[in-house]
């Protein structure tokens, strides 16, 4: 059974996140790949920006741009920062986060919180011990369409919820480290499916029963799954399902989520998705709800820096990210066998 902590049940409403005045030093640990997304956002904010990467060519790029002070020594970059933003492979999350926390730094980390709940609990424990801010940047948590859907459910706009369906199907080729279950913390569901899990549980609440089946359909190089099917019975009595896959090309756009209630329905409109948002507008009982331009990563980063500046609560408590990885673990427990079938042969 999974229970959302009572004190966090109202955190899914729409909040205005603001930053206070002043500057701070932020070190991005991992300047390549998705670290570039963080660095681009941070470079537009009132912070002194540092960057660590093990690649000298990446560091040279930032030297030329002048947008961040490059560091080839990770420990030194952490020492010189007030906030440490970790954008590294899953297996490095805990070690680097604990290093930063024990040095008295505030820590922002990319999802998932770690490879497993044990790692997540240890990071949360140390953050509380040293009284540092700690947050996982789960961008789906900061998506206004998701927050609006949660609000509509709480307000009873579609009556009693009967079913919630989430789906994300596309072709993704994993990184070399992503092919190793030990380094990844599982397979595609732990890496990317955890996004769906966060929104799914925020909408549906506590879970009583989980059933799942896992496949590897297109990535013989992966030890883990590339496709997962999950069904859930929520404590409310509602039925839920998640379909997640990295195995298929040329899939026509489908709603990322649909919610059926006794008095109506809510669905995401895929045709209105505009990057970097991951959700389109909503249609609620036949009426479209649109959203102004937004960047969920920026919302989350600004919210975290606002909490540091004003010594407030982080906008996404790390216990929510811990709940998400615990759900992933339960899915894996419910589906211990990965069925393999090469669809491209």
C-alpha atoms as a PDB file:
ATOM      1  CA  UNK A   1       0.000   0.000   0.000  1.00  0.00           C
ATOM      2  CA  UNK A   2       1.221   3.491  -0.839  1.00  0.00           C
ATOM      3  CA  UNK A   3       0.070   6.492   1.136  1.00  0.00           C
ATOM      4  CA  UNK A   4       0.751  10.113   0.220  1.00  0.00           C
ATOM      5  CA  UNK A   5       1.712  11.848   3.435  1.00  0.00           C
ATOM      6  CA  UNK A   6      -1.250  13.868   4.661  1.00  0.00           C
ATOM      7  CA  UNK A   7       0.679  17.111   4.954  1.00  0.00           C
ATOM      8  CA  UNK A   8       1.579  16.966   1.237  1.00  0.00           C
ATOM      9  CA  UNK A   9      -1.915  16.348  -0.128  1.00  0.00           C
ATOM     10  CA  UNK A  10      -2.507  20.007  -0.980  1.00  0.00           C
ATOM     11  CA  UNK A  11       0.863  20.564  -2.638  1.00  0.00           C
ATOM     12  CA  UNK A  12      -0.492  19.760  -6.093  1.00  0.00           C
ATOM     13  CA  UNK A  13      -2.429  22.990  -6.547  1.00  0.00           C
ATOM     14  CA  UNK A  14      -1.116  25.777  -8.767  1.00  0.00           C
ATOM     15  CA  UNK A  15       1.354  27.969  -6.889  1.00  0.00           C
ATOM     16  CA  UNK A  16       3.135  31.134  -7.910  1.00  0.00           C
ATOM     17  CA  UNK A  17       6.844  30.571  -7.482  1.00  0.00           C
ATOM     18  CA  UNK A  18       8.999  33.650  -7.008  1.00  0.00           C
ATOM     19  CA  UNK A  19      12.634  34.351  -6.310  1.00  0.00           C
ATOM     20  CA  UNK A  20      13.946  36.778  -3.758  1.00  0.00           C
ATOM     21  CA  UNK A  21      16.626  39.357  -4.394  1.00  0.00           C
ATOM     22  CA  UNK A  22      20.332  38.604  -4.211  1.00  0.00           C
ATOM     23  CA  UNK A  23      22.764  36.268  -5.852  1.00  0.00           C
ATOM     24  CA  UNK A  24      24.090  32.858  -4.988  1.00  0.00           C
ATOM     25  CA  UNK A  25      26.639  30.492  -6.473  1.00  0.00           C
ATOM     26  CA  UNK A  26      25.122  27.494  -8.230  1.00  0.00           C
ATOM     27  CA  UNK A  27      27.293  24.618  -9.426  1.00  0.00           C
ATOM     28  CA  UNK A  28      25.846  22.361 -12.107  1.00  0.00           C
ATOM     29  CA  UNK A  29      27.487  18.955 -11.772  1.00  0.00           C
ATOM     30  CA  UNK A  30      27.279  17.470 -15.256  1.00  0.00           C
ATOM     31  CA  UNK A  31      27.476  20.076 -17.990  1.00  0.00           C
ATOM     32  CA  UNK A  32      26.726  17.900 -20.998  1.00  0.00           C
ATOM     33  CA  UNK A  33      23.476  16.436 -22.331  1.00  0.00           C
ATOM     34  CA  UNK A  34      20.579  17.395 -20.046  1.00  0.00           C
ATOM     35  CA  UNK A  35      22.882  19.535 -17.927  1.00  0.00           C
ATOM     36  CA  UNK A  36      22.701  22.023 -20.787  1.00  0.00           C
ATOM     37  CA  UNK A  37      18.978  22.506 -20.111  1.00  0.00           C
ATOM     38  CA  UNK A  38      19.701  23.396 -16.490  1.00  0.00           C
ATOM     39  CA  UNK A  39      22.580  25.669 -17.435  1.00  0.00           C
ATOM     40  CA  UNK A  40      20.528  27.546 -20.019  1.00  0.00           C
ATOM     41  CA  UNK A  41      17.824  28.295 -17.448  1.00  0.00           C
ATOM     42  CA  UNK A  42      20.254  29.188 -14.674  1.00  0.00           C
ATOM     43  CA  UNK A  43      22.243  31.485 -16.961  1.00  0.00           C
ATOM     44  CA  UNK A  44      19.137  33.683 -17.279  1.00  0.00           C
ATOM     45  CA  UNK A  45      18.731  33.987 -13.507  1.00  0.00           C
ATOM     46  CA  UNK A  46      20.479  36.166 -10.952  1.00  0.00           C
ATOM     47  CA  UNK A  47      23.095  33.597  -9.917  1.00  0.00           C
ATOM     48  CA  UNK A  48      26.820  33.082 -10.277  1.00  0.00           C
ATOM     49  CA  UNK A  49      27.074  29.929 -12.345  1.00  0.00           C
ATOM     50  CA  UNK A  50      29.718  27.195 -12.047  1.00  0.00           C
ATOM     51  CA  UNK A  51      29.896  23.977 -14.051  1.00  0.00           C
ATOM     52  CA  UNK A  52      31.731  20.707 -13.593  1.00  0.00           C
ATOM     53  CA  UNK A  53      32.135  18.074 -16.271  1.00  0.00           C
ATOM     54  CA  UNK A  54      34.649  15.302 -16.753  1.00  0.00           C
ATOM     55  CA  UNK A  55      34.984  16.194 -20.441  1.00  0.00           C
ATOM     56  CA  UNK A  56      37.561  18.866 -21.159  1.00  0.00           C
ATOM     57  CA  UNK A  57      35.893  19.661 -24.487  1.00  0.00           C
ATOM     58  CA  UNK A  58      32.632  20.428 -22.684  1.00  0.00           C
ATOM     59  CA  UNK A  59      34.442  22.684 -20.219  1.00  0.00           C
ATOM     60  CA  UNK A  60      36.219  24.463 -23.060  1.00  0.00           C
ATOM     61  CA  UNK A  61      32.846  25.213 -24.612  1.00  0.00           C
ATOM     62  CA  UNK A  62      31.746  27.014 -21.429  1.00  0.00           C
ATOM     63  CA  UNK A  63      35.060  28.869 -21.278  1.00  0.00           C
ATOM     64  CA  UNK A  64      34.390  30.229 -24.760  1.00  0.00           C
ATOM     65  CA  UNK A  65      30.807  31.165 -23.980  1.00  0.00           C
ATOM     66  CA  UNK A  66      31.647  32.719 -20.628  1.00  0.00           C
ATOM     67  CA  UNK A  67      28.230  31.660 -19.302  1.00  0.00           C
ATOM     68  CA  UNK A  68      29.623  29.534 -16.440  1.00  0.00           C
ATOM     69  CA  UNK A  69      32.940  29.163 -14.655  1.00  0.00           C
ATOM     70  CA  UNK A  70      34.273  25.710 -15.646  1.00  0.00           C
ATOM     71  CA  UNK A  71      35.707  23.262 -13.105  1.00  0.00           C
ATOM     72  CA  UNK A  72      37.587  20.046 -13.820  1.00  0.00           C
ATOM     73  CA  UNK A  73      37.546  19.138 -10.098  1.00  0.00           C
ATOM     74  CA  UNK A  74      34.080  18.226  -8.845  1.00  0.00           C
ATOM     75  CA  UNK A  75      34.943  18.587  -5.155  1.00  0.00           C
ATOM     76  CA  UNK A  76      36.247  22.110  -5.722  1.00  0.00           C
ATOM     77  CA  UNK A  77      33.122  23.081  -7.669  1.00  0.00           C
ATOM     78  CA  UNK A  78      30.951  21.864  -4.792  1.00  0.00           C
ATOM     79  CA  UNK A  79      33.104  23.668  -2.230  1.00  0.00           C
ATOM     80  CA  UNK A  80      32.769  26.970  -4.084  1.00  0.00           C
ATOM     81  CA  UNK A  81      28.976  26.759  -4.469  1.00  0.00           C
ATOM     82  CA  UNK A  82      25.960  27.541  -2.287  1.00  0.00           C
ATOM     83  CA  UNK A  83      23.651  25.329  -4.331  1.00  0.00           C
ATOM     84  CA  UNK A  84      24.642  22.110  -6.107  1.00  0.00           C
ATOM     85  CA  UNK A  85      22.531  21.039  -9.099  1.00  0.00           C
ATOM     86  CA  UNK A  86      23.241  17.372  -9.917  1.00  0.00           C
ATOM     87  CA  UNK A  87      22.608  16.238 -13.495  1.00  0.00           C
ATOM     88  CA  UNK A  88      24.378  12.877 -13.537  1.00  0.00           C
ATOM     89  CA  UNK A  89      23.538   9.212 -14.219  1.00  0.00           C
ATOM     90  CA  UNK A  90      21.333   7.555 -11.597  1.00  0.00           C
ATOM     91  CA  UNK A  91      24.124   5.531 -10.003  1.00  0.00           C
ATOM     92  CA  UNK A  92      25.989   8.729  -9.113  1.00  0.00           C
ATOM     93  CA  UNK A  93      23.062  10.555  -7.520  1.00  0.00           C
ATOM     94  CA  UNK A  94      23.450   9.417  -3.931  1.00  0.00           C
ATOM     95  CA  UNK A  95      27.233   9.669  -3.618  1.00  0.00           C
ATOM     96  CA  UNK A  96      27.418  13.168  -5.075  1.00  0.00           C
ATOM     97  CA  UNK A  97      24.335  14.409  -3.211  1.00  0.00           C
ATOM     98  CA  UNK A  98      25.638  13.139   0.122  1.00  0.00           C
ATOM     99  CA  UNK A  99      29.022  14.702  -0.580  1.00  0.00           C
ATOM    100  CA  UNK A 100      27.380  18.067  -1.216  1.00  0.00           C
ATOM    101  CA  UNK A 101      24.958  17.834   1.710  1.00  0.00           C
ATOM    102  CA  UNK A 102      27.706  16.901   4.149  1.00  0.00           C
ATOM    103  CA  UNK A 103      29.595  19.989   2.963  1.00  0.00           C
ATOM    104  CA  UNK A 104      26.572  22.086   3.938  1.00  0.00           C
ATOM    105  CA  UNK A 105      25.268  22.752   0.442  1.00  0.00           C
ATOM    106  CA  UNK A 106      21.682  22.918  -0.778  1.00  0.00           C
ATOM    107  CA  UNK A 107      21.038  20.194  -3.359  1.00  0.00           C
ATOM    108  CA  UNK A 108      18.830  20.017  -6.422  1.00  0.00           C
ATOM    109  CA  UNK A 109      18.924  16.720  -8.294  1.00  0.00           C
ATOM    110  CA  UNK A 110      17.441  15.358 -11.511  1.00  0.00           C
ATOM    111  CA  UNK A 111      14.908  12.553 -11.330  1.00  0.00           C
ATOM    112  CA  UNK A 112      14.752   9.839 -10.178  1.00  0.00           C
ATOM    113  CA  UNK A 113      15.791  10.496  -6.594  1.00  0.00           C
ATOM    114  CA  UNK A 114      18.111   7.465  -6.795  1.00  0.00           C
ATOM    115  CA  UNK A 115      18.299   3.906  -8.040  1.00  0.00           C
ATOM    116  CA  UNK A 116      16.078   2.697  -5.218  1.00  0.00           C
ATOM    117  CA  UNK A 117      14.181   3.836  -2.137  1.00  0.00           C
ATOM    118  CA  UNK A 118      17.101   3.044   0.164  1.00  0.00           C
ATOM    119  CA  UNK A 119      19.247   5.636  -1.594  1.00  0.00           C
ATOM    120  CA  UNK A 120      16.382   8.113  -1.555  1.00  0.00           C
ATOM    121  CA  UNK A 121      15.751   7.703   2.154  1.00  0.00           C
ATOM    122  CA  UNK A 122      19.433   8.196   2.952  1.00  0.00           C
ATOM    123  CA  UNK A 123      19.600  11.463   1.012  1.00  0.00           C
ATOM    124  CA  UNK A 124      16.465  12.747   2.731  1.00  0.00           C
ATOM    125  CA  UNK A 125      17.826  11.726   6.132  1.00  0.00           C
ATOM    126  CA  UNK A 126      21.127  13.523   5.659  1.00  0.00           C
ATOM    127  CA  UNK A 127      19.455  16.641   4.217  1.00  0.00           C
ATOM    128  CA  UNK A 128      17.282  16.894   7.314  1.00  0.00           C
ATOM    129  CA  UNK A 129      20.242  16.223   9.592  1.00  0.00           C
ATOM    130  CA  UNK A 130      22.330  19.059   8.145  1.00  0.00           C
ATOM    131  CA  UNK A 131      19.261  21.276   7.567  1.00  0.00           C
ATOM    132  CA  UNK A 132      19.933  21.808   3.882  1.00  0.00           C
ATOM    133  CA  UNK A 133      17.313  22.213   1.165  1.00  0.00           C
ATOM    134  CA  UNK A 134      16.964  19.077  -0.966  1.00  0.00           C
ATOM    135  CA  UNK A 135      14.664  18.614  -3.945  1.00  0.00           C
ATOM    136  CA  UNK A 136      14.260  16.361  -6.960  1.00  0.00           C
ATOM    137  CA  UNK A 137      13.500  18.288 -10.153  1.00  0.00           C
ATOM    138  CA  UNK A 138      10.609  16.175 -11.431  1.00  0.00           C
ATOM    139  CA  UNK A 139       9.416  18.366 -14.293  1.00  0.00           C
ATOM    140  CA  UNK A 140       6.014  16.620 -14.592  1.00  0.00           C
ATOM    141  CA  UNK A 141       5.248  17.796 -11.048  1.00  0.00           C
ATOM    142  CA  UNK A 142       5.545  21.392 -12.248  1.00  0.00           C
ATOM    143  CA  UNK A 143       3.396  20.996 -15.365  1.00  0.00           C
ATOM    144  CA  UNK A 144       0.375  23.366 -15.110  1.00  0.00           C
ATOM    145  CA  UNK A 145      -1.968  20.980 -17.007  1.00  0.00           C
ATOM    146  CA  UNK A 146      -1.201  18.223 -14.483  1.00  0.00           C
ATOM    147  CA  UNK A 147      -1.709  20.569 -11.557  1.00  0.00           C
ATOM    148  CA  UNK A 148      -4.961  21.814 -13.064  1.00  0.00           C
ATOM    149  CA  UNK A 149      -6.218  18.251 -13.518  1.00  0.00           C
ATOM    150  CA  UNK A 150      -5.390  17.499  -9.864  1.00  0.00           C
ATOM    151  CA  UNK A 151      -7.284  20.630  -8.830  1.00  0.00           C
ATOM    152  CA  UNK A 152     -10.324  19.706 -10.907  1.00  0.00           C
ATOM    153  CA  UNK A 153     -10.388  16.243  -9.331  1.00  0.00           C
ATOM    154  CA  UNK A 154     -10.231  17.702  -5.809  1.00  0.00           C
ATOM    155  CA  UNK A 155     -13.007  20.149  -6.631  1.00  0.00           C
ATOM    156  CA  UNK A 156     -15.251  17.313  -7.796  1.00  0.00           C
ATOM    157  CA  UNK A 157     -15.622  18.765 -11.274  1.00  0.00           C
ATOM    158  CA  UNK A 158     -15.995  15.296 -12.828  1.00  0.00           C
ATOM    159  CA  UNK A 159     -17.638  13.624  -9.842  1.00  0.00           C
ATOM    160  CA  UNK A 160     -16.135  10.489  -8.360  1.00  0.00           C
ATOM    161  CA  UNK A 161     -13.107   9.339 -10.307  1.00  0.00           C
ATOM    162  CA  UNK A 162     -13.598   5.910 -11.884  1.00  0.00           C
ATOM    163  CA  UNK A 163     -10.446   5.514 -13.942  1.00  0.00           C
ATOM    164  CA  UNK A 164      -7.121   7.157 -14.783  1.00  0.00           C
ATOM    165  CA  UNK A 165      -5.085   6.132 -17.807  1.00  0.00           C
ATOM    166  CA  UNK A 166      -1.532   7.281 -18.604  1.00  0.00           C
ATOM    167  CA  UNK A 167       0.454   6.406 -21.720  1.00  0.00           C
ATOM    168  CA  UNK A 168       3.826   7.313 -23.181  1.00  0.00           C
ATOM    169  CA  UNK A 169       5.028   5.284 -26.157  1.00  0.00           C
ATOM    170  CA  UNK A 170       7.987   6.246 -28.328  1.00  0.00           C
ATOM    171  CA  UNK A 171      11.353   4.998 -29.560  1.00  0.00           C
ATOM    172  CA  UNK A 172      14.324   5.751 -27.321  1.00  0.00           C
ATOM    173  CA  UNK A 173      17.783   4.210 -27.551  1.00  0.00           C
ATOM    174  CA  UNK A 174      19.402   4.083 -24.091  1.00  0.00           C
ATOM    175  CA  UNK A 175      22.865   5.304 -23.151  1.00  0.00           C
ATOM    176  CA  UNK A 176      25.515   2.624 -22.474  1.00  0.00           C
ATOM    177  CA  UNK A 177      25.122   3.006 -18.701  1.00  0.00           C
ATOM    178  CA  UNK A 178      21.344   2.920 -19.157  1.00  0.00           C
ATOM    179  CA  UNK A 179      21.656  -0.634 -20.465  1.00  0.00           C
ATOM    180  CA  UNK A 180      22.876  -1.860 -17.058  1.00  0.00           C
ATOM    181  CA  UNK A 181      20.153  -2.534 -14.486  1.00  0.00           C
ATOM    182  CA  UNK A 182      22.540  -1.957 -11.582  1.00  0.00           C
ATOM    183  CA  UNK A 183      23.516   1.495 -12.856  1.00  0.00           C
ATOM    184  CA  UNK A 184      20.045   2.475 -14.041  1.00  0.00           C
ATOM    185  CA  UNK A 185      18.090   1.142 -11.064  1.00  0.00           C
ATOM    186  CA  UNK A 186      16.059  -0.947 -13.499  1.00  0.00           C
ATOM    187  CA  UNK A 187      15.084  -0.225 -17.074  1.00  0.00           C
ATOM    188  CA  UNK A 188      13.069   2.317 -19.023  1.00  0.00           C
ATOM    189  CA  UNK A 189      10.301   2.448 -16.415  1.00  0.00           C
ATOM    190  CA  UNK A 190      12.739   3.542 -13.678  1.00  0.00           C
ATOM    191  CA  UNK A 191      14.293   6.155 -15.951  1.00  0.00           C
ATOM    192  CA  UNK A 192      11.365   7.638 -17.876  1.00  0.00           C
ATOM    193  CA  UNK A 193       8.241   5.881 -16.611  1.00  0.00           C
ATOM    194  CA  UNK A 194       8.834   7.504 -13.217  1.00  0.00           C
ATOM    195  CA  UNK A 195       7.597  10.771 -14.793  1.00  0.00           C
ATOM    196  CA  UNK A 196       4.212   9.175 -15.445  1.00  0.00           C
ATOM    197  CA  UNK A 197       4.211   7.636 -11.980  1.00  0.00           C
ATOM    198  CA  UNK A 198       4.525  11.059 -10.350  1.00  0.00           C
ATOM    199  CA  UNK A 199       1.506  12.546 -12.143  1.00  0.00           C
ATOM    200  CA  UNK A 200      -0.472   9.289 -11.900  1.00  0.00           C
ATOM    201  CA  UNK A 201      -0.154   9.126  -8.110  1.00  0.00           C
ATOM    202  CA  UNK A 202      -0.735  12.850  -7.673  1.00  0.00           C
ATOM    203  CA  UNK A 203      -4.067  12.415  -9.442  1.00  0.00           C
ATOM    204  CA  UNK A 204      -5.092   9.036  -8.067  1.00  0.00           C
ATOM    205  CA  UNK A 205      -3.706   9.036  -4.529  1.00  0.00           C
ATOM    206  CA  UNK A 206      -3.102   5.926  -2.470  1.00  0.00           C
ATOM    207  CA  UNK A 207      -2.750   2.530  -4.155  1.00  0.00           C
ATOM    208  CA  UNK A 208      -4.040  -0.764  -2.791  1.00  0.00           C
ATOM    209  CA  UNK A 209      -3.041  -3.200  -5.520  1.00  0.00           C
ATOM    210  CA  UNK A 210      -0.476  -3.221  -8.314  1.00  0.00           C
ATOM    211  CA  UNK A 211      -0.232  -5.656 -11.201  1.00  0.00           C
ATOM    212  CA  UNK A 212       2.373  -5.344 -13.932  1.00  0.00           C
ATOM    213  CA  UNK A 213       4.129  -7.064 -16.786  1.00  0.00           C
ATOM    214  CA  UNK A 214       7.457  -6.078 -18.375  1.00  0.00           C
ATOM    215  CA  UNK A 215       8.919  -6.687 -21.814  1.00  0.00           C
ATOM    216  CA  UNK A 216      12.082  -6.017 -23.770  1.00  0.00           C
ATOM    217  CA  UNK A 217      10.873  -5.681 -27.338  1.00  0.00           C
ATOM    218  CA  UNK A 218      13.450  -3.625 -29.205  1.00  0.00           C
ATOM    219  CA  UNK A 219      16.672  -3.317 -27.173  1.00  0.00           C
ATOM    220  CA  UNK A 220      18.577  -6.562 -26.870  1.00  0.00           C
ATOM    221  CA  UNK A 221      21.496  -4.548 -25.435  1.00  0.00           C
ATOM    222  CA  UNK A 222      19.409  -3.540 -22.397  1.00  0.00           C
ATOM    223  CA  UNK A 223      19.419  -5.748 -19.309  1.00  0.00           C
ATOM    224  CA  UNK A 224      16.189  -4.093 -18.174  1.00  0.00           C
ATOM    225  CA  UNK A 225      12.792  -3.610 -19.744  1.00  0.00           C
ATOM    226  CA  UNK A 226      11.889  -1.192 -22.494  1.00  0.00           C
ATOM    227  CA  UNK A 227       8.121  -1.669 -22.117  1.00  0.00           C
ATOM    228  CA  UNK A 228       5.922  -1.859 -19.015  1.00  0.00           C
ATOM    229  CA  UNK A 229       2.180  -2.287 -18.529  1.00  0.00           C
ATOM    230  CA  UNK A 230       0.754  -1.495 -15.086  1.00  0.00           C
ATOM    231  CA  UNK A 231      -2.738  -1.703 -13.610  1.00  0.00           C
ATOM    232  CA  UNK A 232      -3.653  -0.303 -10.221  1.00  0.00           C
ATOM    233  CA  UNK A 233      -6.584  -0.232  -7.842  1.00  0.00           C
ATOM    234  CA  UNK A 234      -6.608   3.038  -5.930  1.00  0.00           C
ATOM    235  CA  UNK A 235      -7.815   3.258  -2.340  1.00  0.00           C
ATOM    236  CA  UNK A 236     -10.708   5.348  -3.634  1.00  0.00           C
ATOM    237  CA  UNK A 237     -11.891   2.371  -5.659  1.00  0.00           C
ATOM    238  CA  UNK A 238     -10.832   3.905  -8.956  1.00  0.00           C
ATOM    239  CA  UNK A 239      -8.976   1.879 -11.570  1.00  0.00           C
ATOM    240  CA  UNK A 240      -5.691   3.080 -13.055  1.00  0.00           C
ATOM    241  CA  UNK A 241      -3.318   2.017 -15.809  1.00  0.00           C
ATOM    242  CA  UNK A 242       0.079   3.060 -17.140  1.00  0.00           C
ATOM    243  CA  UNK A 243       1.487   2.055 -20.520  1.00  0.00           C
ATOM    244  CA  UNK A 244       5.132   2.990 -21.029  1.00  0.00           C
ATOM    245  CA  UNK A 245       7.447   1.959 -23.841  1.00  0.00           C
ATOM    246  CA  UNK A 246      10.689   2.881 -25.576  1.00  0.00           C
ATOM    247  CA  UNK A 247      10.174   0.259 -28.283  1.00  0.00           C
ATOM    248  CA  UNK A 248       8.024   1.785 -31.029  1.00  0.00           C
ATOM    249  CA  UNK A 249       8.493   4.269 -33.872  1.00  0.00           C
ATOM    250  CA  UNK A 250       5.859   6.328 -35.663  1.00  0.00           C
ATOM    251  CA  UNK A 251       3.189   6.162 -32.978  1.00  0.00           C
ATOM    252  CA  UNK A 252       0.306   8.576 -33.647  1.00  0.00           C
ATOM    253  CA  UNK A 253      -0.191  11.155 -30.893  1.00  0.00           C
ATOM    254  CA  UNK A 254      -2.433   9.939 -28.105  1.00  0.00           C
ATOM    255  CA  UNK A 255      -3.476  11.728 -24.900  1.00  0.00           C
ATOM    256  CA  UNK A 256      -0.823  11.413 -22.214  1.00  0.00           C
ATOM    257  CA  UNK A 257      -3.637  10.992 -19.712  1.00  0.00           C
ATOM    258  CA  UNK A 258      -7.400  10.552 -19.582  1.00  0.00           C
ATOM    259  CA  UNK A 259      -9.549  10.674 -16.435  1.00  0.00           C
ATOM    260  CA  UNK A 260     -13.107   9.319 -16.327  1.00  0.00           C
ATOM    261  CA  UNK A 261     -15.490  10.309 -13.555  1.00  0.00           C
ATOM    262  CA  UNK A 262     -19.147   9.744 -12.721  1.00  0.00           C
ATOM    263  CA  UNK A 263     -19.969  13.273 -13.889  1.00  0.00           C
ATOM    264  CA  UNK A 264     -17.486  13.893 -16.673  1.00  0.00           C
ATOM    265  CA  UNK A 265     -14.001  13.436 -18.034  1.00  0.00           C
ATOM    266  CA  UNK A 266     -10.647  15.149 -18.500  1.00  0.00           C
ATOM    267  CA  UNK A 267      -8.147  14.459 -21.266  1.00  0.00           C
ATOM    268  CA  UNK A 268      -4.855  15.930 -22.413  1.00  0.00           C
ATOM    269  CA  UNK A 269      -4.738  17.247 -25.991  1.00  0.00           C
ATOM    270  CA  UNK A 270      -1.482  16.001 -27.581  1.00  0.00           C
ATOM    271  CA  UNK A 271      -1.673  18.316 -30.598  1.00  0.00           C
ATOM    272  CA  UNK A 272      -1.204  21.346 -28.337  1.00  0.00           C
ATOM    273  CA  UNK A 273       2.104  20.212 -26.791  1.00  0.00           C
ATOM    274  CA  UNK A 274       4.894  22.707 -27.403  1.00  0.00           C
ATOM    275  CA  UNK A 275       8.397  21.928 -26.102  1.00  0.00           C
ATOM    276  CA  UNK A 276       9.644  22.098 -23.412  1.00  0.00           C
ATOM    277  CA  UNK A 277       6.213  21.338 -21.945  1.00  0.00           C
ATOM    278  CA  UNK A 278       5.346  17.643 -21.899  1.00  0.00           C
ATOM    279  CA  UNK A 279       1.562  18.101 -21.756  1.00  0.00           C
ATOM    280  CA  UNK A 280      -0.848  19.902 -24.015  1.00  0.00           C
ATOM    281  CA  UNK A 281      -4.031  21.738 -23.131  1.00  0.00           C
ATOM    282  CA  UNK A 282      -6.889  19.987 -21.379  1.00  0.00           C
ATOM    283  CA  UNK A 283     -10.388  19.204 -22.552  1.00  0.00           C
ATOM    284  CA  UNK A 284     -12.835  18.997 -19.656  1.00  0.00           C
ATOM    285  CA  UNK A 285     -16.355  17.823 -20.418  1.00  0.00           C
ATOM    286  CA  UNK A 286     -15.921  19.042 -23.981  1.00  0.00           C
ATOM    287  CA  UNK A 287     -14.431  22.438 -23.106  1.00  0.00           C
ATOM    288  CA  UNK A 288     -10.775  23.237 -23.757  1.00  0.00           C
ATOM    289  CA  UNK A 289      -8.585  24.780 -21.054  1.00  0.00           C
ATOM    290  CA  UNK A 290      -5.468  26.407 -22.470  1.00  0.00           C
ATOM    291  CA  UNK A 291      -2.265  27.465 -20.718  1.00  0.00           C
ATOM    292  CA  UNK A 292       0.094  30.349 -21.255  1.00  0.00           C
ATOM    293  CA  UNK A 293       3.643  29.591 -22.378  1.00  0.00           C
ATOM    294  CA  UNK A 294       5.662  27.997 -19.603  1.00  0.00           C
ATOM    295  CA  UNK A 295       8.805  25.969 -18.942  1.00  0.00           C
ATOM    296  CA  UNK A 296       8.313  23.333 -16.207  1.00  0.00           C
ATOM    297  CA  UNK A 297      12.054  23.046 -15.595  1.00  0.00           C
ATOM    298  CA  UNK A 298      12.314  26.780 -15.018  1.00  0.00           C
ATOM    299  CA  UNK A 299       9.308  26.705 -12.658  1.00  0.00           C
ATOM    300  CA  UNK A 300      10.983  24.009 -10.579  1.00  0.00           C
ATOM    301  CA  UNK A 301      14.444  25.581 -10.543  1.00  0.00           C
ATOM    302  CA  UNK A 302      13.097  29.023  -9.658  1.00  0.00           C
ATOM    303  CA  UNK A 303      10.942  27.503  -6.929  1.00  0.00           C
ATOM    304  CA  UNK A 304      13.924  25.756  -5.393  1.00  0.00           C
ATOM    305  CA  UNK A 305      16.089  28.875  -5.463  1.00  0.00           C
ATOM    306  CA  UNK A 306      13.202  30.814  -3.944  1.00  0.00           C
ATOM    307  CA  UNK A 307      13.112  28.319  -1.048  1.00  0.00           C
ATOM    308  CA  UNK A 308      16.860  28.748  -0.533  1.00  0.00           C
ATOM    309  CA  UNK A 309      16.670  32.555  -0.697  1.00  0.00           C
ATOM    310  CA  UNK A 310      13.793  32.800   1.759  1.00  0.00           C
ATOM    311  CA  UNK A 311      14.495  29.710   3.885  1.00  0.00           C
ATOM    312  CA  UNK A 312      11.114  28.302   2.910  1.00  0.00           C
ATOM    313  CA  UNK A 313       9.832  24.859   1.993  1.00  0.00           C
ATOM    314  CA  UNK A 314      10.916  23.465  -1.357  1.00  0.00           C
ATOM    315  CA  UNK A 315       7.999  23.359  -3.826  1.00  0.00           C
ATOM    316  CA  UNK A 316       8.294  19.586  -4.333  1.00  0.00           C
ATOM    317  CA  UNK A 317       9.063  17.771  -1.067  1.00  0.00           C
ATOM    318  CA  UNK A 318      11.613  14.984  -1.648  1.00  0.00           C
ATOM    319  CA  UNK A 319       9.243  12.521   0.012  1.00  0.00           C
ATOM    320  CA  UNK A 320       7.116  12.711  -3.131  1.00  0.00           C
ATOM    321  CA  UNK A 321      10.070  11.602  -5.280  1.00  0.00           C
ATOM    322  CA  UNK A 322      10.695   8.835  -2.734  1.00  0.00           C
ATOM    323  CA  UNK A 323       7.069   7.738  -3.082  1.00  0.00           C
ATOM    324  CA  UNK A 324       7.535   7.616  -6.874  1.00  0.00           C
ATOM    325  CA  UNK A 325      10.597   5.347  -6.758  1.00  0.00           C
ATOM    326  CA  UNK A 326       8.865   3.115  -4.201  1.00  0.00           C
ATOM    327  CA  UNK A 327       6.053   2.661  -6.704  1.00  0.00           C
ATOM    328  CA  UNK A 328       8.583   1.726  -9.393  1.00  0.00           C
ATOM    329  CA  UNK A 329      10.057  -0.872  -7.011  1.00  0.00           C
ATOM    330  CA  UNK A 330       6.590  -2.338  -6.404  1.00  0.00           C
ATOM    331  CA  UNK A 331       6.023  -2.569 -10.156  1.00  0.00           C
ATOM    332  CA  UNK A 332       9.283  -4.485 -10.470  1.00  0.00           C
ATOM    333  CA  UNK A 333       8.308  -6.774  -7.588  1.00  0.00           C
ATOM    334  CA  UNK A 334       4.976  -7.447  -9.294  1.00  0.00           C
ATOM    335  CA  UNK A 335       6.721  -8.308 -12.587  1.00  0.00           C
ATOM    336  CA  UNK A 336       9.978 -10.128 -11.778  1.00  0.00           C
ATOM    337  CA  UNK A 337      10.326 -11.592 -15.287  1.00  0.00           C
ATOM    338  CA  UNK A 338      11.196  -9.517 -18.348  1.00  0.00           C
ATOM    339  CA  UNK A 339       9.704 -11.126 -21.454  1.00  0.00           C
ATOM    340  CA  UNK A 340      11.983 -10.673 -24.451  1.00  0.00           C
ATOM    341  CA  UNK A 341      10.851 -10.535 -28.046  1.00  0.00           C
ATOM    342  CA  UNK A 342      12.737  -8.789 -30.854  1.00  0.00           C
ATOM    343  CA  UNK A 343      10.075  -6.906 -32.821  1.00  0.00           C
ATOM    344  CA  UNK A 344      12.624  -5.765 -35.415  1.00  0.00           C
ATOM    345  CA  UNK A 345      13.593  -9.280 -36.505  1.00  0.00           C
END
